[in-house]
């Protein structure tokens, strides 16, 4: 099947079909929708997005080019997990013969024209959403978002942690440890992935005849990423937790950055942590945040490196399925990491 057939079905010229296939910016939205609808109805899949002769040798050897844009503050004050994400993207690109250009853009609304207009086949995005004008330009390029977002994107595919499984794993872990009174502690109540954690944590507990008490605060607008939770807000959250009757002994803290300040505050107020006492599980498995904590809380590893790798694979898939309009949301299964290692007794048992 050729683009001539698609052009006839859509009622446009073959050159217009070619421009749509190659994501040319000067195509009216209605025309683009008509062409893509015709491609979908005919089951037409372009073998190569770029114009010009498509020899077999060129299709096999030409490397895809993509840009990885980190939008917002992530590039300046990167969390420990970002190194894993970057490594996963790099390894995925290497494994799939893709050239990746990395760009850190502190202000998501300030993407330079050189970044927007460079000849790339696709985009990997992480961080904040840009403004509407920039977003309209980026929408024309095959896109995959990596990780969750404070404000969910409504275009592009996405690869992220399985938020519902995270909550279930936390409940399963704490209940298996014998806890019947559970609490979800969170210093960033507006972050939608954390809301999903709480929902699934509560649902899993309910399925087992137990309940969860959420104790949450709203994130403060502090400039320091590594110290974004003030002692006053942490103290307020801990005092609310201590006022619960009966007091929960199984605690799920939303992420490792939070457990780094919440656990010491709990201990300072006399909460005894450890096996057979109050136990904590947090999320992300970011070791630098947990340095100095004793006992070490269990953590849910969201497998950020795997998310980076899977993001590259999803981008390649999207490049060859441009005619499909539906978004693909892919999740990576997390796992529990328990850092409590039993110490053998003196008799070797």
C-alpha atoms as a PDB file:
ATOM      1  CA  UNK A   1       0.000   0.000   0.000  1.00  0.00           C
ATOM      2  CA  UNK A   2       1.321   3.469  -0.892  1.00  0.00           C
ATOM      3  CA  UNK A   3       0.701   6.967   0.394  1.00  0.00           C
ATOM      4  CA  UNK A   4      -1.327   7.567  -2.790  1.00  0.00           C
ATOM      5  CA  UNK A   5      -4.056   5.314  -1.376  1.00  0.00           C
ATOM      6  CA  UNK A   6      -3.946   7.188   1.924  1.00  0.00           C
ATOM      7  CA  UNK A   7      -4.108  10.521   0.090  1.00  0.00           C
ATOM      8  CA  UNK A   8      -7.206   9.453  -1.839  1.00  0.00           C
ATOM      9  CA  UNK A   9      -8.948   8.236   1.309  1.00  0.00           C
ATOM     10  CA  UNK A  10      -8.147  11.496   3.159  1.00  0.00           C
ATOM     11  CA  UNK A  11      -8.883  13.727   0.166  1.00  0.00           C
ATOM     12  CA  UNK A  12      -5.468  15.406   0.190  1.00  0.00           C
ATOM     13  CA  UNK A  13      -2.304  15.382  -1.900  1.00  0.00           C
ATOM     14  CA  UNK A  14       0.461  12.820  -1.477  1.00  0.00           C
ATOM     15  CA  UNK A  15       2.806  15.627  -0.393  1.00  0.00           C
ATOM     16  CA  UNK A  16       0.417  16.453   2.461  1.00  0.00           C
ATOM     17  CA  UNK A  17       0.438  12.818   3.570  1.00  0.00           C
ATOM     18  CA  UNK A  18       4.246  12.907   3.471  1.00  0.00           C
ATOM     19  CA  UNK A  19       4.299  16.026   5.644  1.00  0.00           C
ATOM     20  CA  UNK A  20       1.975  14.405   8.191  1.00  0.00           C
ATOM     21  CA  UNK A  21       4.122  11.256   8.317  1.00  0.00           C
ATOM     22  CA  UNK A  22       7.205  13.379   8.905  1.00  0.00           C
ATOM     23  CA  UNK A  23       5.477  15.562  11.552  1.00  0.00           C
ATOM     24  CA  UNK A  24       5.904  18.734   9.537  1.00  0.00           C
ATOM     25  CA  UNK A  25       4.777  21.709  11.663  1.00  0.00           C
ATOM     26  CA  UNK A  26       2.891  23.405   8.798  1.00  0.00           C
ATOM     27  CA  UNK A  27      -0.043  21.039   8.581  1.00  0.00           C
ATOM     28  CA  UNK A  28      -3.472  22.159   9.750  1.00  0.00           C
ATOM     29  CA  UNK A  29      -4.730  20.117  12.732  1.00  0.00           C
ATOM     30  CA  UNK A  30      -7.931  19.064  10.911  1.00  0.00           C
ATOM     31  CA  UNK A  31      -5.907  17.909   7.907  1.00  0.00           C
ATOM     32  CA  UNK A  32      -3.524  15.966  10.113  1.00  0.00           C
ATOM     33  CA  UNK A  33      -6.433  14.235  11.853  1.00  0.00           C
ATOM     34  CA  UNK A  34      -7.978  13.272   8.493  1.00  0.00           C
ATOM     35  CA  UNK A  35      -4.723  11.804   7.230  1.00  0.00           C
ATOM     36  CA  UNK A  36      -4.028   9.844  10.400  1.00  0.00           C
ATOM     37  CA  UNK A  37      -7.598   8.554  10.436  1.00  0.00           C
ATOM     38  CA  UNK A  38      -7.170   7.338   6.851  1.00  0.00           C
ATOM     39  CA  UNK A  39      -3.874   5.650   7.785  1.00  0.00           C
ATOM     40  CA  UNK A  40      -5.545   3.879  10.689  1.00  0.00           C
ATOM     41  CA  UNK A  41      -8.550   2.773   8.635  1.00  0.00           C
ATOM     42  CA  UNK A  42      -6.294   1.401   5.897  1.00  0.00           C
ATOM     43  CA  UNK A  43      -3.838  -0.178   8.311  1.00  0.00           C
ATOM     44  CA  UNK A  44      -1.023   1.801   6.702  1.00  0.00           C
ATOM     45  CA  UNK A  45       2.310   1.877   8.563  1.00  0.00           C
ATOM     46  CA  UNK A  46       5.050   4.114   7.128  1.00  0.00           C
ATOM     47  CA  UNK A  47       8.340   2.263   6.934  1.00  0.00           C
ATOM     48  CA  UNK A  48      10.463   5.385   7.387  1.00  0.00           C
ATOM     49  CA  UNK A  49       9.399   8.847   8.552  1.00  0.00           C
ATOM     50  CA  UNK A  50      12.076  10.747   6.648  1.00  0.00           C
ATOM     51  CA  UNK A  51      11.578  12.015   3.101  1.00  0.00           C
ATOM     52  CA  UNK A  52      13.546  10.732   0.138  1.00  0.00           C
ATOM     53  CA  UNK A  53      14.244   7.280  -1.294  1.00  0.00           C
ATOM     54  CA  UNK A  54      13.768   4.482   1.219  1.00  0.00           C
ATOM     55  CA  UNK A  55      16.304   1.878   0.198  1.00  0.00           C
ATOM     56  CA  UNK A  56      16.515  -1.344   2.209  1.00  0.00           C
ATOM     57  CA  UNK A  57      20.039  -0.472   3.257  1.00  0.00           C
ATOM     58  CA  UNK A  58      18.986   2.893   4.585  1.00  0.00           C
ATOM     59  CA  UNK A  59      16.117   1.465   6.622  1.00  0.00           C
ATOM     60  CA  UNK A  60      18.389  -1.089   8.263  1.00  0.00           C
ATOM     61  CA  UNK A  61      21.367   1.101   9.060  1.00  0.00           C
ATOM     62  CA  UNK A  62      19.966   4.564   9.805  1.00  0.00           C
ATOM     63  CA  UNK A  63      20.116   5.369  13.522  1.00  0.00           C
ATOM     64  CA  UNK A  64      17.169   7.050  15.163  1.00  0.00           C
ATOM     65  CA  UNK A  65      17.794  10.353  16.894  1.00  0.00           C
ATOM     66  CA  UNK A  66      15.982  11.487  20.019  1.00  0.00           C
ATOM     67  CA  UNK A  67      16.244  14.235  22.613  1.00  0.00           C
ATOM     68  CA  UNK A  68      15.827  13.659  26.352  1.00  0.00           C
ATOM     69  CA  UNK A  69      14.503  16.896  27.856  1.00  0.00           C
ATOM     70  CA  UNK A  70      14.521  17.282  31.628  1.00  0.00           C
ATOM     71  CA  UNK A  71      12.032  20.074  32.299  1.00  0.00           C
ATOM     72  CA  UNK A  72      11.917  22.100  35.499  1.00  0.00           C
ATOM     73  CA  UNK A  73      14.193  21.806  38.528  1.00  0.00           C
ATOM     74  CA  UNK A  74      15.092  18.116  38.151  1.00  0.00           C
ATOM     75  CA  UNK A  75      18.235  18.857  36.187  1.00  0.00           C
ATOM     76  CA  UNK A  76      19.575  21.372  38.730  1.00  0.00           C
ATOM     77  CA  UNK A  77      18.735  19.528  41.942  1.00  0.00           C
ATOM     78  CA  UNK A  78      18.493  15.938  40.821  1.00  0.00           C
ATOM     79  CA  UNK A  79      17.228  13.334  43.256  1.00  0.00           C
ATOM     80  CA  UNK A  80      19.436  10.243  43.682  1.00  0.00           C
ATOM     81  CA  UNK A  81      17.045   8.188  41.524  1.00  0.00           C
ATOM     82  CA  UNK A  82      17.659  10.490  38.558  1.00  0.00           C
ATOM     83  CA  UNK A  83      21.098   8.940  38.047  1.00  0.00           C
ATOM     84  CA  UNK A  84      19.381   5.558  37.627  1.00  0.00           C
ATOM     85  CA  UNK A  85      16.906   7.038  35.154  1.00  0.00           C
ATOM     86  CA  UNK A  86      19.719   8.578  33.127  1.00  0.00           C
ATOM     87  CA  UNK A  87      21.648   5.312  33.146  1.00  0.00           C
ATOM     88  CA  UNK A  88      18.583   3.380  32.001  1.00  0.00           C
ATOM     89  CA  UNK A  89      17.954   5.777  29.115  1.00  0.00           C
ATOM     90  CA  UNK A  90      21.623   5.649  28.077  1.00  0.00           C
ATOM     91  CA  UNK A  91      21.722   1.857  28.152  1.00  0.00           C
ATOM     92  CA  UNK A  92      18.412   1.583  26.317  1.00  0.00           C
ATOM     93  CA  UNK A  93      19.646   3.925  23.610  1.00  0.00           C
ATOM     94  CA  UNK A  94      22.880   1.967  23.231  1.00  0.00           C
ATOM     95  CA  UNK A  95      21.053  -1.356  23.021  1.00  0.00           C
ATOM     96  CA  UNK A  96      18.692  -0.030  20.356  1.00  0.00           C
ATOM     97  CA  UNK A  97      21.158   1.945  18.196  1.00  0.00           C
ATOM     98  CA  UNK A  98      19.596   5.299  19.073  1.00  0.00           C
ATOM     99  CA  UNK A  99      21.429   8.605  19.445  1.00  0.00           C
ATOM    100  CA  UNK A 100      20.222  10.588  22.474  1.00  0.00           C
ATOM    101  CA  UNK A 101      20.870  14.284  23.067  1.00  0.00           C
ATOM    102  CA  UNK A 102      20.348  15.341  26.711  1.00  0.00           C
ATOM    103  CA  UNK A 103      19.080  18.810  27.578  1.00  0.00           C
ATOM    104  CA  UNK A 104      18.421  20.177  31.077  1.00  0.00           C
ATOM    105  CA  UNK A 105      15.851  22.979  30.930  1.00  0.00           C
ATOM    106  CA  UNK A 106      15.338  24.634  34.351  1.00  0.00           C
ATOM    107  CA  UNK A 107      12.340  26.632  33.103  1.00  0.00           C
ATOM    108  CA  UNK A 108       9.975  24.347  31.194  1.00  0.00           C
ATOM    109  CA  UNK A 109       8.543  27.391  29.386  1.00  0.00           C
ATOM    110  CA  UNK A 110      11.968  28.472  28.156  1.00  0.00           C
ATOM    111  CA  UNK A 111      12.912  25.716  25.728  1.00  0.00           C
ATOM    112  CA  UNK A 112      15.298  27.205  23.211  1.00  0.00           C
ATOM    113  CA  UNK A 113      14.296  27.167  19.546  1.00  0.00           C
ATOM    114  CA  UNK A 114      17.368  25.085  18.797  1.00  0.00           C
ATOM    115  CA  UNK A 115      16.002  22.315  21.013  1.00  0.00           C
ATOM    116  CA  UNK A 116      12.500  22.511  19.587  1.00  0.00           C
ATOM    117  CA  UNK A 117      13.575  22.599  15.952  1.00  0.00           C
ATOM    118  CA  UNK A 118      16.436  20.142  15.911  1.00  0.00           C
ATOM    119  CA  UNK A 119      15.927  17.185  13.524  1.00  0.00           C
ATOM    120  CA  UNK A 120      14.948  14.491  16.023  1.00  0.00           C
ATOM    121  CA  UNK A 121      12.753  11.462  15.494  1.00  0.00           C
ATOM    122  CA  UNK A 122      11.331  11.488  19.009  1.00  0.00           C
ATOM    123  CA  UNK A 123      11.367  12.967  22.496  1.00  0.00           C
ATOM    124  CA  UNK A 124      11.780  11.604  26.001  1.00  0.00           C
ATOM    125  CA  UNK A 125      10.422  14.067  28.566  1.00  0.00           C
ATOM    126  CA  UNK A 126      10.809  14.188  32.339  1.00  0.00           C
ATOM    127  CA  UNK A 127       9.603  16.803  34.793  1.00  0.00           C
ATOM    128  CA  UNK A 128       7.223  19.745  34.492  1.00  0.00           C
ATOM    129  CA  UNK A 129       4.809  20.393  31.642  1.00  0.00           C
ATOM    130  CA  UNK A 130       5.680  23.337  29.345  1.00  0.00           C
ATOM    131  CA  UNK A 131       3.285  26.142  28.436  1.00  0.00           C
ATOM    132  CA  UNK A 132       0.594  25.668  25.810  1.00  0.00           C
ATOM    133  CA  UNK A 133       2.521  27.224  22.900  1.00  0.00           C
ATOM    134  CA  UNK A 134       5.599  25.046  23.402  1.00  0.00           C
ATOM    135  CA  UNK A 135       3.434  22.027  24.109  1.00  0.00           C
ATOM    136  CA  UNK A 136       1.642  22.499  20.769  1.00  0.00           C
ATOM    137  CA  UNK A 137       4.990  22.282  18.964  1.00  0.00           C
ATOM    138  CA  UNK A 138       6.234  19.287  20.931  1.00  0.00           C
ATOM    139  CA  UNK A 139       2.985  17.393  20.298  1.00  0.00           C
ATOM    140  CA  UNK A 140       4.003  17.000  16.658  1.00  0.00           C
ATOM    141  CA  UNK A 141       6.942  14.797  17.659  1.00  0.00           C
ATOM    142  CA  UNK A 142       6.613  11.203  18.959  1.00  0.00           C
ATOM    143  CA  UNK A 143       6.915  11.582  22.729  1.00  0.00           C
ATOM    144  CA  UNK A 144       7.289   9.397  25.803  1.00  0.00           C
ATOM    145  CA  UNK A 145       7.132  10.843  29.323  1.00  0.00           C
ATOM    146  CA  UNK A 146       9.268   9.150  31.969  1.00  0.00           C
ATOM    147  CA  UNK A 147       8.096   8.798  35.611  1.00  0.00           C
ATOM    148  CA  UNK A 148       5.070  10.481  37.171  1.00  0.00           C
ATOM    149  CA  UNK A 149       4.220  14.178  37.026  1.00  0.00           C
ATOM    150  CA  UNK A 150       2.777  16.688  39.457  1.00  0.00           C
ATOM    151  CA  UNK A 151       0.443  17.799  36.638  1.00  0.00           C
ATOM    152  CA  UNK A 152      -0.300  14.818  34.411  1.00  0.00           C
ATOM    153  CA  UNK A 153       0.456  15.292  30.683  1.00  0.00           C
ATOM    154  CA  UNK A 154      -2.426  14.704  28.289  1.00  0.00           C
ATOM    155  CA  UNK A 155      -0.315  13.843  25.248  1.00  0.00           C
ATOM    156  CA  UNK A 156       2.467  11.413  24.530  1.00  0.00           C
ATOM    157  CA  UNK A 157       2.994   7.913  25.860  1.00  0.00           C
ATOM    158  CA  UNK A 158       4.239   7.426  29.421  1.00  0.00           C
ATOM    159  CA  UNK A 159       6.375   4.931  31.327  1.00  0.00           C
ATOM    160  CA  UNK A 160       6.123   5.161  35.112  1.00  0.00           C
ATOM    161  CA  UNK A 161       6.116   3.135  38.324  1.00  0.00           C
ATOM    162  CA  UNK A 162       2.996   1.091  39.043  1.00  0.00           C
ATOM    163  CA  UNK A 163       1.470   3.337  41.702  1.00  0.00           C
ATOM    164  CA  UNK A 164      -1.302   0.922  42.613  1.00  0.00           C
ATOM    165  CA  UNK A 165       1.105  -1.979  43.062  1.00  0.00           C
ATOM    166  CA  UNK A 166       3.275   0.223  45.296  1.00  0.00           C
ATOM    167  CA  UNK A 167       0.390   0.697  47.738  1.00  0.00           C
ATOM    168  CA  UNK A 168      -0.465  -3.008  47.677  1.00  0.00           C
ATOM    169  CA  UNK A 169       3.155  -3.999  48.353  1.00  0.00           C
ATOM    170  CA  UNK A 170       3.334  -1.636  51.338  1.00  0.00           C
ATOM    171  CA  UNK A 171       0.138  -3.094  52.825  1.00  0.00           C
ATOM    172  CA  UNK A 172       1.218  -6.678  52.177  1.00  0.00           C
ATOM    173  CA  UNK A 173       4.594  -6.066  53.832  1.00  0.00           C
ATOM    174  CA  UNK A 174       3.241  -4.450  56.983  1.00  0.00           C
ATOM    175  CA  UNK A 175       0.370  -6.907  57.423  1.00  0.00           C
ATOM    176  CA  UNK A 176       2.730  -9.854  56.940  1.00  0.00           C
ATOM    177  CA  UNK A 177       4.838  -8.368  59.755  1.00  0.00           C
ATOM    178  CA  UNK A 178       1.822  -8.625  62.060  1.00  0.00           C
ATOM    179  CA  UNK A 179       0.579  -5.026  62.015  1.00  0.00           C
ATOM    180  CA  UNK A 180      -3.159  -4.425  62.232  1.00  0.00           C
ATOM    181  CA  UNK A 181      -3.268  -0.644  62.723  1.00  0.00           C
ATOM    182  CA  UNK A 182      -1.850   1.111  59.647  1.00  0.00           C
ATOM    183  CA  UNK A 183      -1.096   4.722  58.711  1.00  0.00           C
ATOM    184  CA  UNK A 184      -0.008   6.541  55.546  1.00  0.00           C
ATOM    185  CA  UNK A 185       2.272   9.525  56.265  1.00  0.00           C
ATOM    186  CA  UNK A 186       2.758  12.077  53.488  1.00  0.00           C
ATOM    187  CA  UNK A 187       4.156  15.621  53.386  1.00  0.00           C
ATOM    188  CA  UNK A 188       3.030  16.252  49.790  1.00  0.00           C
ATOM    189  CA  UNK A 189      -0.720  15.637  49.695  1.00  0.00           C
ATOM    190  CA  UNK A 190      -1.231  17.289  46.276  1.00  0.00           C
ATOM    191  CA  UNK A 191       1.150  14.997  44.372  1.00  0.00           C
ATOM    192  CA  UNK A 192      -1.157  12.680  42.408  1.00  0.00           C
ATOM    193  CA  UNK A 193       1.091   9.539  42.478  1.00  0.00           C
ATOM    194  CA  UNK A 194       1.100   9.760  46.285  1.00  0.00           C
ATOM    195  CA  UNK A 195      -2.685   9.952  46.247  1.00  0.00           C
ATOM    196  CA  UNK A 196      -2.712   6.708  44.260  1.00  0.00           C
ATOM    197  CA  UNK A 197      -0.329   5.152  46.798  1.00  0.00           C
ATOM    198  CA  UNK A 198      -2.754   6.013  49.584  1.00  0.00           C
ATOM    199  CA  UNK A 199      -5.781   4.718  47.675  1.00  0.00           C
ATOM    200  CA  UNK A 200      -4.220   1.358  46.845  1.00  0.00           C
ATOM    201  CA  UNK A 201      -2.659   1.031  50.317  1.00  0.00           C
ATOM    202  CA  UNK A 202      -6.088   1.591  51.863  1.00  0.00           C
ATOM    203  CA  UNK A 203      -7.830  -0.744  49.392  1.00  0.00           C
ATOM    204  CA  UNK A 204      -5.392  -3.579  50.092  1.00  0.00           C
ATOM    205  CA  UNK A 205      -5.841  -3.126  53.839  1.00  0.00           C
ATOM    206  CA  UNK A 206      -9.640  -3.077  53.487  1.00  0.00           C
ATOM    207  CA  UNK A 207      -9.522  -6.333  51.517  1.00  0.00           C
ATOM    208  CA  UNK A 208      -7.870  -7.896  54.571  1.00  0.00           C
ATOM    209  CA  UNK A 209     -10.352  -6.480  57.054  1.00  0.00           C
ATOM    210  CA  UNK A 210      -8.148  -3.591  58.218  1.00  0.00           C
ATOM    211  CA  UNK A 211      -8.118   0.149  57.709  1.00  0.00           C
ATOM    212  CA  UNK A 212      -5.604   2.904  57.034  1.00  0.00           C
ATOM    213  CA  UNK A 213      -5.468   6.348  58.616  1.00  0.00           C
ATOM    214  CA  UNK A 214      -3.957   8.951  56.233  1.00  0.00           C
ATOM    215  CA  UNK A 215      -1.940  11.703  57.934  1.00  0.00           C
ATOM    216  CA  UNK A 216      -0.940  14.262  55.320  1.00  0.00           C
ATOM    217  CA  UNK A 217       0.358  17.812  54.935  1.00  0.00           C
ATOM    218  CA  UNK A 218       0.619  20.093  51.907  1.00  0.00           C
ATOM    219  CA  UNK A 219       4.055  20.569  50.358  1.00  0.00           C
ATOM    220  CA  UNK A 220       5.686  23.891  51.172  1.00  0.00           C
ATOM    221  CA  UNK A 221       7.157  26.067  48.436  1.00  0.00           C
ATOM    222  CA  UNK A 222      10.772  25.902  49.613  1.00  0.00           C
ATOM    223  CA  UNK A 223      13.709  26.587  47.234  1.00  0.00           C
ATOM    224  CA  UNK A 224      16.015  23.882  48.595  1.00  0.00           C
ATOM    225  CA  UNK A 225      15.154  20.530  46.996  1.00  0.00           C
ATOM    226  CA  UNK A 226      17.168  18.563  49.568  1.00  0.00           C
ATOM    227  CA  UNK A 227      15.488  20.308  52.514  1.00  0.00           C
ATOM    228  CA  UNK A 228      12.008  20.966  51.187  1.00  0.00           C
ATOM    229  CA  UNK A 229      10.162  19.844  54.338  1.00  0.00           C
ATOM    230  CA  UNK A 230      10.493  22.322  57.210  1.00  0.00           C
ATOM    231  CA  UNK A 231      10.860  21.070  60.815  1.00  0.00           C
ATOM    232  CA  UNK A 232       7.591  22.832  61.694  1.00  0.00           C
ATOM    233  CA  UNK A 233       5.547  20.903  59.120  1.00  0.00           C
ATOM    234  CA  UNK A 234       7.246  17.604  59.979  1.00  0.00           C
ATOM    235  CA  UNK A 235       6.536  18.206  63.679  1.00  0.00           C
ATOM    236  CA  UNK A 236       2.890  19.002  62.927  1.00  0.00           C
ATOM    237  CA  UNK A 237       2.471  15.766  60.963  1.00  0.00           C
ATOM    238  CA  UNK A 238       4.134  13.682  63.701  1.00  0.00           C
ATOM    239  CA  UNK A 239       1.991  15.261  66.411  1.00  0.00           C
ATOM    240  CA  UNK A 240      -1.141  14.414  64.409  1.00  0.00           C
ATOM    241  CA  UNK A 241       0.097  10.842  64.103  1.00  0.00           C
ATOM    242  CA  UNK A 242       0.799  10.573  67.841  1.00  0.00           C
ATOM    243  CA  UNK A 243      -2.720  11.780  68.615  1.00  0.00           C
ATOM    244  CA  UNK A 244      -4.252   8.753  66.842  1.00  0.00           C
ATOM    245  CA  UNK A 245      -5.981   6.280  69.140  1.00  0.00           C
ATOM    246  CA  UNK A 246      -5.138   3.459  68.830  1.00  0.00           C
ATOM    247  CA  UNK A 247      -1.740   4.471  67.502  1.00  0.00           C
ATOM    248  CA  UNK A 248      -0.809   2.648  64.267  1.00  0.00           C
ATOM    249  CA  UNK A 249       2.261   0.414  64.403  1.00  0.00           C
ATOM    250  CA  UNK A 250       2.589  -0.118  60.647  1.00  0.00           C
ATOM    251  CA  UNK A 251       3.590   3.048  58.770  1.00  0.00           C
ATOM    252  CA  UNK A 252       3.893   3.645  55.034  1.00  0.00           C
ATOM    253  CA  UNK A 253       5.821   6.867  54.300  1.00  0.00           C
ATOM    254  CA  UNK A 254       5.310   8.223  50.772  1.00  0.00           C
ATOM    255  CA  UNK A 255       8.988   8.402  49.758  1.00  0.00           C
ATOM    256  CA  UNK A 256      12.560   8.221  51.019  1.00  0.00           C
ATOM    257  CA  UNK A 257      13.033  11.987  51.103  1.00  0.00           C
ATOM    258  CA  UNK A 258      10.190  12.142  53.599  1.00  0.00           C
ATOM    259  CA  UNK A 259      11.249   9.151  55.695  1.00  0.00           C
ATOM    260  CA  UNK A 260      14.628  10.876  56.174  1.00  0.00           C
ATOM    261  CA  UNK A 261      12.912  13.560  58.275  1.00  0.00           C
ATOM    262  CA  UNK A 262       9.820  11.733  59.566  1.00  0.00           C
ATOM    263  CA  UNK A 263      11.555   8.732  61.123  1.00  0.00           C
ATOM    264  CA  UNK A 264      13.943  10.773  63.322  1.00  0.00           C
ATOM    265  CA  UNK A 265      11.022  12.972  64.378  1.00  0.00           C
ATOM    266  CA  UNK A 266       9.001   9.918  65.406  1.00  0.00           C
ATOM    267  CA  UNK A 267      11.941   8.587  67.417  1.00  0.00           C
ATOM    268  CA  UNK A 268      12.497  11.977  69.038  1.00  0.00           C
ATOM    269  CA  UNK A 269       8.879  11.784  70.290  1.00  0.00           C
ATOM    270  CA  UNK A 270       9.479   8.378  71.853  1.00  0.00           C
ATOM    271  CA  UNK A 271       8.181   6.038  69.133  1.00  0.00           C
ATOM    272  CA  UNK A 272      10.146   2.797  69.336  1.00  0.00           C
ATOM    273  CA  UNK A 273      10.971   1.432  65.891  1.00  0.00           C
ATOM    274  CA  UNK A 274      12.034  -2.083  65.029  1.00  0.00           C
ATOM    275  CA  UNK A 275      10.879  -5.688  64.750  1.00  0.00           C
ATOM    276  CA  UNK A 276       7.950  -6.337  67.066  1.00  0.00           C
ATOM    277  CA  UNK A 277       7.443  -2.595  67.594  1.00  0.00           C
ATOM    278  CA  UNK A 278       6.477   0.156  65.151  1.00  0.00           C
ATOM    279  CA  UNK A 279       7.766  -0.551  61.645  1.00  0.00           C
ATOM    280  CA  UNK A 280       8.158   1.685  58.620  1.00  0.00           C
ATOM    281  CA  UNK A 281       8.261   1.133  54.870  1.00  0.00           C
ATOM    282  CA  UNK A 282       8.953   3.932  52.396  1.00  0.00           C
ATOM    283  CA  UNK A 283       9.205   4.224  48.634  1.00  0.00           C
ATOM    284  CA  UNK A 284      11.747   4.843  45.821  1.00  0.00           C
ATOM    285  CA  UNK A 285      14.804   3.049  47.297  1.00  0.00           C
ATOM    286  CA  UNK A 286      17.001   6.174  47.251  1.00  0.00           C
ATOM    287  CA  UNK A 287      19.853   5.224  49.582  1.00  0.00           C
ATOM    288  CA  UNK A 288      21.370   8.699  50.155  1.00  0.00           C
ATOM    289  CA  UNK A 289      18.176   9.875  51.845  1.00  0.00           C
ATOM    290  CA  UNK A 290      18.257   6.991  54.343  1.00  0.00           C
ATOM    291  CA  UNK A 291      21.874   7.418  55.452  1.00  0.00           C
ATOM    292  CA  UNK A 292      22.025   7.469  59.260  1.00  0.00           C
ATOM    293  CA  UNK A 293      18.564   6.026  59.839  1.00  0.00           C
ATOM    294  CA  UNK A 294      18.478   3.250  62.424  1.00  0.00           C
ATOM    295  CA  UNK A 295      16.803   0.905  62.011  1.00  0.00           C
ATOM    296  CA  UNK A 296      16.834   1.068  58.233  1.00  0.00           C
ATOM    297  CA  UNK A 297      13.220   1.121  57.010  1.00  0.00           C
ATOM    298  CA  UNK A 298      12.140  -1.283  54.293  1.00  0.00           C
ATOM    299  CA  UNK A 299      11.749   0.350  50.895  1.00  0.00           C
ATOM    300  CA  UNK A 300       9.807  -0.184  47.708  1.00  0.00           C
ATOM    301  CA  UNK A 301      12.202  -0.143  44.759  1.00  0.00           C
ATOM    302  CA  UNK A 302      10.389   1.498  41.821  1.00  0.00           C
ATOM    303  CA  UNK A 303      13.118   0.303  39.382  1.00  0.00           C
ATOM    304  CA  UNK A 304      13.944   3.653  37.850  1.00  0.00           C
ATOM    305  CA  UNK A 305      16.666   2.244  35.611  1.00  0.00           C
ATOM    306  CA  UNK A 306      14.144  -0.153  34.074  1.00  0.00           C
ATOM    307  CA  UNK A 307      11.792   2.772  33.484  1.00  0.00           C
ATOM    308  CA  UNK A 308      14.531   4.544  31.512  1.00  0.00           C
ATOM    309  CA  UNK A 309      15.216   1.470  29.391  1.00  0.00           C
ATOM    310  CA  UNK A 310      11.532   0.813  28.805  1.00  0.00           C
ATOM    311  CA  UNK A 311      11.013   4.450  27.840  1.00  0.00           C
ATOM    312  CA  UNK A 312      13.475   4.134  24.958  1.00  0.00           C
ATOM    313  CA  UNK A 313      11.756   0.956  23.759  1.00  0.00           C
ATOM    314  CA  UNK A 314       8.353   2.642  23.935  1.00  0.00           C
ATOM    315  CA  UNK A 315       9.647   5.624  21.969  1.00  0.00           C
ATOM    316  CA  UNK A 316      10.915   3.332  19.197  1.00  0.00           C
ATOM    317  CA  UNK A 317       7.525   1.621  19.124  1.00  0.00           C
ATOM    318  CA  UNK A 318       5.726   4.962  18.909  1.00  0.00           C
ATOM    319  CA  UNK A 319       7.953   6.090  16.036  1.00  0.00           C
ATOM    320  CA  UNK A 320       6.753   3.142  13.971  1.00  0.00           C
ATOM    321  CA  UNK A 321       3.094   3.501  15.024  1.00  0.00           C
ATOM    322  CA  UNK A 322       2.430   7.169  14.347  1.00  0.00           C
ATOM    323  CA  UNK A 323      -0.994   6.431  12.897  1.00  0.00           C
ATOM    324  CA  UNK A 324      -2.307   5.159  16.254  1.00  0.00           C
ATOM    325  CA  UNK A 325      -3.985   7.993  18.125  1.00  0.00           C
ATOM    326  CA  UNK A 326      -4.455   6.347  21.517  1.00  0.00           C
ATOM    327  CA  UNK A 327      -1.855   6.962  24.203  1.00  0.00           C
ATOM    328  CA  UNK A 328       0.072   4.062  25.701  1.00  0.00           C
ATOM    329  CA  UNK A 329       0.632   4.173  29.477  1.00  0.00           C
ATOM    330  CA  UNK A 330       3.161   1.566  30.617  1.00  0.00           C
ATOM    331  CA  UNK A 331       3.994   0.730  34.226  1.00  0.00           C
ATOM    332  CA  UNK A 332       7.014  -1.034  35.677  1.00  0.00           C
ATOM    333  CA  UNK A 333       6.472  -3.467  38.536  1.00  0.00           C
ATOM    334  CA  UNK A 334       8.083  -2.422  41.853  1.00  0.00           C
ATOM    335  CA  UNK A 335       9.547  -4.708  44.510  1.00  0.00           C
ATOM    336  CA  UNK A 336      10.118  -4.609  48.262  1.00  0.00           C
ATOM    337  CA  UNK A 337      13.670  -4.333  49.603  1.00  0.00           C
ATOM    338  CA  UNK A 338      14.042  -5.185  53.302  1.00  0.00           C
ATOM    339  CA  UNK A 339      17.298  -3.946  54.812  1.00  0.00           C
ATOM    340  CA  UNK A 340      16.859  -5.699  58.152  1.00  0.00           C
ATOM    341  CA  UNK A 341      19.430  -8.516  58.172  1.00  0.00           C
ATOM    342  CA  UNK A 342      19.173 -11.001  60.994  1.00  0.00           C
ATOM    343  CA  UNK A 343      22.400 -11.431  63.002  1.00  0.00           C
ATOM    344  CA  UNK A 344      23.272 -15.059  63.870  1.00  0.00           C
ATOM    345  CA  UNK A 345      23.575 -15.893  67.538  1.00  0.00           C
ATOM    346  CA  UNK A 346      26.865 -16.958  69.128  1.00  0.00           C
ATOM    347  CA  UNK A 347      26.000 -20.650  68.770  1.00  0.00           C
ATOM    348  CA  UNK A 348      25.666 -20.219  64.999  1.00  0.00           C
ATOM    349  CA  UNK A 349      21.847 -20.307  64.838  1.00  0.00           C
END
